[in-house]
Structure formats: structure tokens, C-alpha cells
Amino acid sequence: MIEPSDVAAIESQLGREPRAIHDIGHRCPCGNPDVVTTEPRLPNGTPFPTTFYLTCPRAASRIGTLEGSGLMKEMQDRLGEDPELAAAYREAHERYLDYRATLGQVEEIDGISAGGMPDRVKCLHVLAGQSLAMGRGVNPLGDEVLDLLGEWWEPGPCV
């Protein structure tokens, strides 16, 4: 159940009214939501493939720095060279789709997960969001992102 205080925190984190929240996907150790689980269709009818949406601005900022460092290209290259990593990443994609299907089927995004999965690395925010919401061991690249983030919550709540 989403409490009004959760919605207020998410609104402060995003700087806008949150849309299509299904549930809290993960809570930061500070207690605030840091990932929301979103409906696969926005209220205005637009398909929305990002099921696990990272809301913590501190974590998002650190991930942006990682994206700017060339990490996505390095991960993409490793997918082409490491068949075990590629298979685990494809499985993360399938798990993402399976979870989203429990929220509803949206024909326009059928087979499309997020973050570039299953063949590309396009958004580390999504990969980290999946690892936080579904737990470590589901998305190997998301787990790597979390390892690189460090303890983003340590200074206290982001909002």
C-alpha cells in the first residue's frame, strides 16, 4: 500500500507529480522510496515500459556520473564477449517482462523491457532499479551498478 507520505516523498524526489505508481518497488535504508513500480500504461493511455523507476535523486545523480564515465560502453562490449553474462542479462530481461505481465498486458510494449535489455546497455538507472526492486542476483549489470554507487543514503534522506 502506498501511503500519502510516500507519494509526497516521491513528488519531492522527482520534482513533479508521480504517475502510474503501482507500488513501492524498494525503500532506501533511510526509509524513503527509492524505486517505484509503475503501471505499464500511464493514465493518459501512453505505454510505459519502465516498470522499476528509480526515484532517489542522489542515486540517480551518481548513476548519471557512471553513465558519463563510459561504463555503458564497457558493459555493452562485455555482453558481446561473455556468453554467460549475456545469458544472465537476457534472463534479467525475461524476469522484467514476467513481472510487468503481472501488472497488465500492453500490446504496444510486448517483448520490450527497459534499459536496452536484452542486447544493449542503454540506461543504468533502469538496471539498478531492477536490482533494487527484484533483489540482487536477478540483473548482473544492475548489481554491478549498485556496487559502484556506494552508500548513497549515508548522508541521510534525500528529501
N, C-alpha and C. Protein backbone atom coordinates (compact mmCIF):
# COMPACT_ATOMS: atom_id res chain seq x y z
N MET A 1 0.84 -1.19 0.00
CA MET A 1 0.00 0.00 0.00
C MET A 1 0.88 1.25 0.00
N ILE A 2 0.50 2.19 -0.81
CA ILE A 2 1.25 3.43 -0.91
C ILE A 2 0.62 4.45 0.01
N GLU A 3 1.41 4.95 0.91
CA GLU A 3 0.96 5.95 1.87
C GLU A 3 1.08 7.35 1.25
N PRO A 4 0.24 8.27 1.70
CA PRO A 4 0.36 9.66 1.21
C PRO A 4 1.77 10.24 1.44
N SER A 5 2.43 9.84 2.52
CA SER A 5 3.79 10.33 2.77
C SER A 5 4.77 9.80 1.72
N ASP A 6 4.51 8.58 1.21
CA ASP A 6 5.35 8.05 0.13
C ASP A 6 5.17 8.86 -1.14
N VAL A 7 3.93 9.16 -1.48
CA VAL A 7 3.66 9.96 -2.68
C VAL A 7 4.31 11.33 -2.56
N ALA A 8 4.22 11.93 -1.37
CA ALA A 8 4.84 13.25 -1.16
C ALA A 8 6.36 13.16 -1.31
N ALA A 9 6.96 12.11 -0.77
CA ALA A 9 8.41 11.95 -0.90
C ALA A 9 8.81 11.77 -2.36
N ILE A 10 8.07 10.95 -3.08
CA ILE A 10 8.37 10.70 -4.49
C ILE A 10 8.21 11.98 -5.30
N GLU A 11 7.17 12.75 -5.01
CA GLU A 11 6.97 14.02 -5.70
C GLU A 11 8.15 14.96 -5.44
N SER A 12 8.63 14.99 -4.21
CA SER A 12 9.79 15.82 -3.89
C SER A 12 11.05 15.31 -4.60
N GLN A 13 11.20 14.00 -4.64
CA GLN A 13 12.37 13.42 -5.31
C GLN A 13 12.38 13.76 -6.80
N LEU A 14 11.23 13.63 -7.44
CA LEU A 14 11.14 13.82 -8.89
C LEU A 14 10.97 15.28 -9.30
N GLY A 15 10.46 16.10 -8.38
CA GLY A 15 10.16 17.48 -8.72
C GLY A 15 8.91 17.62 -9.56
N ARG A 16 8.07 16.59 -9.53
CA ARG A 16 6.81 16.60 -10.27
C ARG A 16 5.89 15.56 -9.65
N GLU A 17 4.64 15.61 -10.04
CA GLU A 17 3.69 14.62 -9.56
C GLU A 17 4.02 13.25 -10.17
N PRO A 18 4.12 12.22 -9.34
CA PRO A 18 4.39 10.90 -9.91
C PRO A 18 3.18 10.36 -10.66
N ARG A 19 3.45 9.53 -11.66
CA ARG A 19 2.38 8.98 -12.50
C ARG A 19 2.39 7.45 -12.44
N ALA A 20 1.21 6.88 -12.43
CA ALA A 20 1.01 5.44 -12.62
C ALA A 20 1.77 4.57 -11.61
N ILE A 21 1.89 5.04 -10.38
CA ILE A 21 2.56 4.23 -9.37
C ILE A 21 1.67 3.04 -9.02
N HIS A 22 2.25 1.87 -9.12
CA HIS A 22 1.55 0.66 -8.69
C HIS A 22 1.88 0.35 -7.23
N ASP A 23 3.17 0.48 -6.89
CA ASP A 23 3.62 0.14 -5.54
C ASP A 23 5.01 0.73 -5.33
N ILE A 24 5.49 0.59 -4.12
CA ILE A 24 6.87 0.93 -3.81
C ILE A 24 7.71 -0.30 -4.16
N GLY A 25 8.64 -0.14 -5.07
CA GLY A 25 9.47 -1.26 -5.50
C GLY A 25 10.59 -1.56 -4.54
N HIS A 26 11.10 -0.51 -3.90
CA HIS A 26 12.21 -0.66 -2.94
C HIS A 26 12.27 0.58 -2.07
N ARG A 27 12.69 0.38 -0.86
CA ARG A 27 12.92 1.51 0.05
C ARG A 27 14.40 1.62 0.35
N CYS A 28 14.85 2.85 0.34
CA CYS A 28 16.20 3.19 0.72
C CYS A 28 16.39 2.85 2.20
N PRO A 29 17.60 2.56 2.64
CA PRO A 29 17.81 2.36 4.07
C PRO A 29 17.34 3.54 4.94
N CYS A 30 17.21 4.74 4.34
CA CYS A 30 16.72 5.90 5.10
C CYS A 30 15.21 5.82 5.33
N GLY A 31 14.53 4.91 4.60
CA GLY A 31 13.09 4.74 4.76
C GLY A 31 12.26 5.28 3.61
N ASN A 32 12.80 6.21 2.84
CA ASN A 32 12.07 6.75 1.69
C ASN A 32 12.03 5.73 0.55
N PRO A 33 11.02 5.81 -0.30
CA PRO A 33 11.05 5.02 -1.52
C PRO A 33 12.26 5.45 -2.36
N ASP A 34 12.91 4.50 -3.02
CA ASP A 34 13.94 4.88 -3.98
C ASP A 34 13.67 4.26 -5.35
N VAL A 35 12.73 3.31 -5.40
CA VAL A 35 12.26 2.74 -6.66
C VAL A 35 10.75 2.58 -6.55
N VAL A 36 10.04 3.03 -7.57
CA VAL A 36 8.60 2.76 -7.63
C VAL A 36 8.35 1.75 -8.75
N THR A 37 7.34 0.95 -8.52
CA THR A 37 6.86 0.04 -9.55
C THR A 37 5.72 0.76 -10.25
N THR A 38 5.83 0.90 -11.56
CA THR A 38 4.84 1.66 -12.30
C THR A 38 3.95 0.74 -13.14
N GLU A 39 2.76 1.23 -13.39
CA GLU A 39 1.84 0.52 -14.26
C GLU A 39 2.40 0.55 -15.69
N PRO A 40 2.11 -0.46 -16.49
CA PRO A 40 2.65 -0.48 -17.85
C PRO A 40 1.95 0.48 -18.82
N ARG A 41 0.93 1.16 -18.35
CA ARG A 41 0.28 2.19 -19.16
C ARG A 41 0.02 3.40 -18.27
N LEU A 42 0.43 4.57 -18.73
CA LEU A 42 0.21 5.80 -17.98
C LEU A 42 -1.27 6.16 -18.00
N PRO A 43 -1.71 7.02 -17.08
CA PRO A 43 -3.13 7.39 -17.04
C PRO A 43 -3.67 7.96 -18.35
N ASN A 44 -2.80 8.59 -19.14
CA ASN A 44 -3.26 9.16 -20.41
C ASN A 44 -3.29 8.13 -21.54
N GLY A 45 -2.96 6.87 -21.22
CA GLY A 45 -3.00 5.79 -22.19
C GLY A 45 -1.67 5.45 -22.84
N THR A 46 -0.64 6.25 -22.60
CA THR A 46 0.67 6.00 -23.18
C THR A 46 1.29 4.74 -22.59
N PRO A 47 1.79 3.82 -23.43
CA PRO A 47 2.51 2.66 -22.91
C PRO A 47 3.77 3.12 -22.19
N PHE A 48 4.09 2.45 -21.08
CA PHE A 48 5.25 2.85 -20.28
C PHE A 48 6.03 1.60 -19.88
N PRO A 49 7.14 1.30 -20.59
CA PRO A 49 7.85 0.06 -20.33
C PRO A 49 8.71 0.05 -19.07
N THR A 50 8.99 1.22 -18.48
CA THR A 50 9.87 1.26 -17.31
C THR A 50 9.10 0.88 -16.05
N THR A 51 9.13 -0.38 -15.74
CA THR A 51 8.40 -0.92 -14.58
C THR A 51 9.04 -0.50 -13.27
N PHE A 52 10.36 -0.53 -13.21
CA PHE A 52 11.09 -0.18 -11.98
C PHE A 52 11.77 1.18 -12.20
N TYR A 53 11.16 2.22 -11.62
CA TYR A 53 11.57 3.60 -11.88
C TYR A 53 12.33 4.12 -10.65
N LEU A 54 13.60 4.42 -10.84
CA LEU A 54 14.44 4.93 -9.76
C LEU A 54 14.04 6.37 -9.45
N THR A 55 13.72 6.64 -8.19
CA THR A 55 13.25 7.98 -7.82
C THR A 55 14.24 8.78 -6.97
N CYS A 56 15.18 8.13 -6.32
CA CYS A 56 16.11 8.83 -5.43
C CYS A 56 17.05 9.72 -6.25
N PRO A 57 17.01 11.02 -6.04
CA PRO A 57 17.85 11.90 -6.84
C PRO A 57 19.34 11.71 -6.58
N ARG A 58 19.69 11.32 -5.36
CA ARG A 58 21.11 11.11 -5.04
C ARG A 58 21.65 9.89 -5.81
N ALA A 59 20.91 8.80 -5.76
CA ALA A 59 21.32 7.60 -6.51
C ALA A 59 21.32 7.90 -8.00
N ALA A 60 20.28 8.60 -8.48
CA ALA A 60 20.19 8.91 -9.91
C ALA A 60 21.36 9.77 -10.37
N SER A 61 21.78 10.71 -9.54
CA SER A 61 22.91 11.57 -9.90
C SER A 61 24.20 10.76 -9.99
N ARG A 62 24.41 9.88 -9.03
CA ARG A 62 25.62 9.05 -9.08
C ARG A 62 25.60 8.13 -10.30
N ILE A 63 24.43 7.63 -10.63
CA ILE A 63 24.33 6.77 -11.81
C ILE A 63 24.60 7.58 -13.06
N GLY A 64 24.13 8.82 -13.11
CA GLY A 64 24.43 9.69 -14.25
C GLY A 64 25.92 9.87 -14.43
N THR A 65 26.63 10.01 -13.33
CA THR A 65 28.09 10.12 -13.40
C THR A 65 28.70 8.85 -13.97
N LEU A 66 28.18 7.70 -13.55
CA LEU A 66 28.67 6.42 -14.08
C LEU A 66 28.40 6.34 -15.58
N GLU A 67 27.21 6.77 -16.00
CA GLU A 67 26.89 6.74 -17.43
C GLU A 67 27.86 7.62 -18.21
N GLY A 68 28.21 8.77 -17.66
CA GLY A 68 29.13 9.69 -18.32
C GLY A 68 30.56 9.19 -18.36
N SER A 69 30.87 8.18 -17.54
CA SER A 69 32.24 7.67 -17.47
C SER A 69 32.58 6.66 -18.56
N GLY A 70 31.59 6.26 -19.36
CA GLY A 70 31.83 5.25 -20.38
C GLY A 70 31.49 3.84 -19.92
N LEU A 71 30.92 3.72 -18.74
CA LEU A 71 30.61 2.39 -18.20
C LEU A 71 29.63 1.62 -19.09
N MET A 72 28.66 2.30 -19.66
CA MET A 72 27.68 1.58 -20.50
C MET A 72 28.36 0.94 -21.70
N LYS A 73 29.29 1.63 -22.33
CA LYS A 73 30.00 1.06 -23.47
C LYS A 73 30.83 -0.15 -23.03
N GLU A 74 31.47 -0.04 -21.90
CA GLU A 74 32.27 -1.15 -21.40
C GLU A 74 31.38 -2.36 -21.12
N MET A 75 30.23 -2.12 -20.51
CA MET A 75 29.29 -3.22 -20.24
C MET A 75 28.77 -3.81 -21.54
N GLN A 76 28.44 -2.95 -22.50
CA GLN A 76 27.96 -3.41 -23.81
C GLN A 76 29.01 -4.29 -24.47
N ASP A 77 30.25 -3.88 -24.43
CA ASP A 77 31.33 -4.67 -25.02
C ASP A 77 31.43 -6.03 -24.33
N ARG A 78 31.32 -6.06 -23.02
CA ARG A 78 31.39 -7.32 -22.27
C ARG A 78 30.24 -8.25 -22.65
N LEU A 79 29.05 -7.71 -22.91
CA LEU A 79 27.93 -8.55 -23.34
C LEU A 79 28.28 -9.31 -24.62
N GLY A 80 29.02 -8.68 -25.52
CA GLY A 80 29.41 -9.32 -26.76
C GLY A 80 30.52 -10.33 -26.62
N GLU A 81 31.25 -10.25 -25.52
CA GLU A 81 32.41 -11.12 -25.32
C GLU A 81 32.17 -12.24 -24.31
N ASP A 82 31.18 -12.10 -23.47
CA ASP A 82 30.97 -13.04 -22.36
C ASP A 82 29.59 -13.69 -22.48
N PRO A 83 29.55 -14.92 -23.02
CA PRO A 83 28.25 -15.56 -23.23
C PRO A 83 27.46 -15.80 -21.93
N GLU A 84 28.15 -16.05 -20.83
CA GLU A 84 27.45 -16.25 -19.55
C GLU A 84 26.80 -14.95 -19.08
N LEU A 85 27.51 -13.84 -19.21
CA LEU A 85 26.95 -12.55 -18.85
C LEU A 85 25.76 -12.23 -19.75
N ALA A 86 25.90 -12.48 -21.05
CA ALA A 86 24.81 -12.20 -21.99
C ALA A 86 23.58 -13.05 -21.65
N ALA A 87 23.79 -14.31 -21.28
CA ALA A 87 22.66 -15.18 -20.92
C ALA A 87 21.99 -14.69 -19.63
N ALA A 88 22.76 -14.27 -18.66
CA ALA A 88 22.19 -13.76 -17.41
C ALA A 88 21.43 -12.46 -17.65
N TYR A 89 21.94 -11.63 -18.53
CA TYR A 89 21.28 -10.37 -18.86
C TYR A 89 19.97 -10.62 -19.60
N ARG A 90 19.98 -11.62 -20.48
CA ARG A 90 18.74 -12.00 -21.18
C ARG A 90 17.73 -12.53 -20.17
N GLU A 91 18.18 -13.28 -19.20
CA GLU A 91 17.28 -13.79 -18.16
C GLU A 91 16.70 -12.63 -17.34
N ALA A 92 17.51 -11.60 -17.07
CA ALA A 92 17.02 -10.42 -16.36
C ALA A 92 15.90 -9.77 -17.16
N HIS A 93 16.07 -9.69 -18.47
CA HIS A 93 15.06 -9.16 -19.38
C HIS A 93 13.77 -9.97 -19.24
N GLU A 94 13.88 -11.28 -19.27
CA GLU A 94 12.70 -12.16 -19.17
C GLU A 94 12.01 -11.99 -17.81
N ARG A 95 12.78 -11.87 -16.76
CA ARG A 95 12.20 -11.66 -15.43
C ARG A 95 11.47 -10.32 -15.36
N TYR A 96 12.03 -9.31 -16.00
CA TYR A 96 11.41 -7.98 -16.06
C TYR A 96 10.05 -8.09 -16.74
N LEU A 97 10.04 -8.74 -17.90
CA LEU A 97 8.79 -8.90 -18.65
C LEU A 97 7.77 -9.73 -17.87
N ASP A 98 8.23 -10.79 -17.22
CA ASP A 98 7.31 -11.63 -16.44
C ASP A 98 6.67 -10.82 -15.32
N TYR A 99 7.47 -10.00 -14.65
CA TYR A 99 6.91 -9.18 -13.57
C TYR A 99 5.90 -8.18 -14.12
N ARG A 100 6.29 -7.49 -15.19
CA ARG A 100 5.39 -6.48 -15.76
C ARG A 100 4.07 -7.11 -16.20
N ALA A 101 4.11 -8.33 -16.69
CA ALA A 101 2.89 -9.01 -17.12
C ALA A 101 1.92 -9.19 -15.96
N THR A 102 2.43 -9.26 -14.73
CA THR A 102 1.53 -9.38 -13.58
C THR A 102 0.76 -8.08 -13.35
N LEU A 103 1.26 -6.98 -13.91
CA LEU A 103 0.61 -5.67 -13.74
C LEU A 103 -0.38 -5.38 -14.87
N GLY A 104 -0.26 -6.11 -15.95
CA GLY A 104 -1.16 -5.92 -17.08
C GLY A 104 -0.43 -6.06 -18.40
N GLN A 105 -1.14 -6.47 -19.40
CA GLN A 105 -0.57 -6.62 -20.73
C GLN A 105 -0.81 -5.34 -21.54
N VAL A 106 0.23 -4.87 -22.17
CA VAL A 106 0.13 -3.71 -23.05
C VAL A 106 0.78 -4.11 -24.37
N GLU A 107 -0.06 -4.33 -25.36
CA GLU A 107 0.39 -4.87 -26.65
C GLU A 107 1.53 -4.07 -27.26
N GLU A 108 1.47 -2.76 -27.17
CA GLU A 108 2.47 -1.91 -27.82
C GLU A 108 3.89 -2.12 -27.29
N ILE A 109 4.02 -2.61 -26.07
CA ILE A 109 5.36 -2.81 -25.49
C ILE A 109 5.63 -4.29 -25.21
N ASP A 110 4.84 -5.15 -25.81
CA ASP A 110 5.04 -6.58 -25.63
C ASP A 110 6.45 -6.98 -26.07
N GLY A 111 7.17 -7.64 -25.20
CA GLY A 111 8.54 -8.08 -25.50
C GLY A 111 9.60 -7.03 -25.27
N ILE A 112 9.20 -5.81 -24.95
CA ILE A 112 10.15 -4.72 -24.70
C ILE A 112 10.26 -4.52 -23.20
N SER A 113 11.46 -4.65 -22.67
CA SER A 113 11.64 -4.37 -21.24
C SER A 113 12.10 -2.93 -21.11
N ALA A 114 13.31 -2.71 -20.66
CA ALA A 114 13.81 -1.35 -20.50
C ALA A 114 15.32 -1.40 -20.34
N GLY A 115 15.95 -0.25 -20.41
CA GLY A 115 17.39 -0.17 -20.18
C GLY A 115 18.25 -0.74 -21.28
N GLY A 116 17.62 -1.12 -22.41
CA GLY A 116 18.37 -1.71 -23.50
C GLY A 116 18.34 -3.23 -23.51
N MET A 117 17.81 -3.82 -22.45
CA MET A 117 17.77 -5.28 -22.39
C MET A 117 16.96 -5.82 -23.56
N PRO A 118 17.29 -6.96 -24.09
CA PRO A 118 18.26 -7.93 -23.61
C PRO A 118 19.63 -7.85 -24.29
N ASP A 119 19.78 -6.98 -25.29
CA ASP A 119 21.02 -6.99 -26.08
C ASP A 119 21.92 -5.78 -25.90
N ARG A 120 21.36 -4.70 -25.36
CA ARG A 120 22.13 -3.46 -25.25
C ARG A 120 22.14 -2.97 -23.81
N VAL A 121 23.02 -2.04 -23.54
CA VAL A 121 23.05 -1.35 -22.25
C VAL A 121 22.82 0.11 -22.57
N LYS A 122 21.63 0.59 -22.18
CA LYS A 122 21.21 1.92 -22.61
C LYS A 122 20.85 2.84 -21.44
N CYS A 123 20.53 2.28 -20.27
CA CYS A 123 20.14 3.10 -19.12
C CYS A 123 20.47 2.38 -17.83
N LEU A 124 21.50 2.84 -17.16
CA LEU A 124 21.92 2.21 -15.91
C LEU A 124 20.92 2.43 -14.79
N HIS A 125 20.13 3.50 -14.87
CA HIS A 125 19.11 3.77 -13.86
C HIS A 125 18.10 2.62 -13.80
N VAL A 126 17.69 2.15 -14.97
CA VAL A 126 16.73 1.06 -15.05
C VAL A 126 17.33 -0.23 -14.50
N LEU A 127 18.57 -0.49 -14.86
CA LEU A 127 19.21 -1.73 -14.41
C LEU A 127 19.36 -1.74 -12.89
N ALA A 128 19.77 -0.62 -12.32
CA ALA A 128 19.88 -0.52 -10.87
C ALA A 128 18.51 -0.63 -10.22
N GLY A 129 17.50 -0.01 -10.82
CA GLY A 129 16.14 -0.09 -10.29
C GLY A 129 15.65 -1.52 -10.24
N GLN A 130 15.94 -2.30 -11.28
CA GLN A 130 15.54 -3.71 -11.27
C GLN A 130 16.26 -4.47 -10.17
N SER A 131 17.55 -4.23 -10.01
CA SER A 131 18.30 -4.92 -8.96
C SER A 131 17.79 -4.57 -7.57
N LEU A 132 17.43 -3.31 -7.37
CA LEU A 132 16.88 -2.92 -6.07
C LEU A 132 15.51 -3.56 -5.84
N ALA A 133 14.64 -3.48 -6.85
CA ALA A 133 13.27 -3.96 -6.68
C ALA A 133 13.16 -5.48 -6.65
N MET A 134 13.92 -6.15 -7.48
CA MET A 134 13.80 -7.61 -7.58
C MET A 134 14.85 -8.35 -6.76
N GLY A 135 15.85 -7.61 -6.29
CA GLY A 135 16.89 -8.21 -5.47
C GLY A 135 18.14 -8.54 -6.27
N ARG A 136 19.22 -8.58 -5.57
CA ARG A 136 20.50 -8.92 -6.21
C ARG A 136 20.43 -10.34 -6.75
N GLY A 137 21.17 -10.54 -7.82
CA GLY A 137 21.21 -11.85 -8.45
C GLY A 137 20.27 -11.95 -9.64
N VAL A 138 19.40 -10.98 -9.85
CA VAL A 138 18.47 -11.00 -10.98
C VAL A 138 19.11 -10.36 -12.20
N ASN A 139 19.73 -9.20 -12.04
CA ASN A 139 20.33 -8.49 -13.16
C ASN A 139 21.81 -8.25 -12.84
N PRO A 140 22.70 -8.97 -13.51
CA PRO A 140 24.12 -8.84 -13.15
C PRO A 140 24.69 -7.44 -13.37
N LEU A 141 24.25 -6.76 -14.42
CA LEU A 141 24.76 -5.41 -14.65
C LEU A 141 24.15 -4.42 -13.68
N GLY A 142 22.90 -4.60 -13.31
CA GLY A 142 22.30 -3.78 -12.28
C GLY A 142 23.02 -3.94 -10.95
N ASP A 143 23.40 -5.17 -10.64
CA ASP A 143 24.15 -5.42 -9.41
C ASP A 143 25.50 -4.70 -9.44
N GLU A 144 26.15 -4.71 -10.61
CA GLU A 144 27.43 -4.00 -10.74
C GLU A 144 27.26 -2.50 -10.50
N VAL A 145 26.18 -1.94 -11.03
CA VAL A 145 25.90 -0.52 -10.83
C VAL A 145 25.73 -0.25 -9.33
N LEU A 146 24.96 -1.08 -8.65
CA LEU A 146 24.77 -0.88 -7.20
C LEU A 146 26.10 -0.95 -6.46
N ASP A 147 26.96 -1.88 -6.86
CA ASP A 147 28.27 -1.99 -6.21
C ASP A 147 29.08 -0.71 -6.38
N LEU A 148 28.96 -0.09 -7.55
CA LEU A 148 29.72 1.13 -7.84
C LEU A 148 29.12 2.38 -7.19
N LEU A 149 27.85 2.33 -6.85
CA LEU A 149 27.18 3.51 -6.27
C LEU A 149 27.67 3.84 -4.88
N GLY A 150 28.06 2.84 -4.14
CA GLY A 150 28.39 3.09 -2.75
C GLY A 150 27.13 3.36 -1.94
N GLU A 151 27.28 3.86 -0.77
CA GLU A 151 26.15 4.09 0.15
C GLU A 151 25.59 5.49 -0.04
N TRP A 152 24.81 5.66 -1.10
CA TRP A 152 24.27 6.98 -1.45
C TRP A 152 23.36 7.54 -0.37
N TRP A 153 22.80 6.71 0.48
CA TRP A 153 21.88 7.13 1.53
C TRP A 153 22.58 7.62 2.79
N GLU A 154 23.87 7.40 2.90
CA GLU A 154 24.59 7.67 4.13
C GLU A 154 24.43 9.09 4.66
N PRO A 155 24.38 10.14 3.82
CA PRO A 155 24.20 11.49 4.36
C PRO A 155 22.81 11.75 4.97
N GLY A 156 21.90 10.79 4.82
CA GLY A 156 20.54 10.97 5.33
C GLY A 156 19.56 11.04 4.19
N PRO A 157 18.27 11.18 4.51
CA PRO A 157 17.25 11.19 3.47
C PRO A 157 17.48 12.26 2.41
N CYS A 158 17.17 11.91 1.16
CA CYS A 158 17.38 12.85 0.05
C CYS A 158 16.32 13.95 0.05
N VAL A 159 15.17 13.66 0.65
CA VAL A 159 14.12 14.67 0.76
C VAL A 159 13.52 14.61 2.16
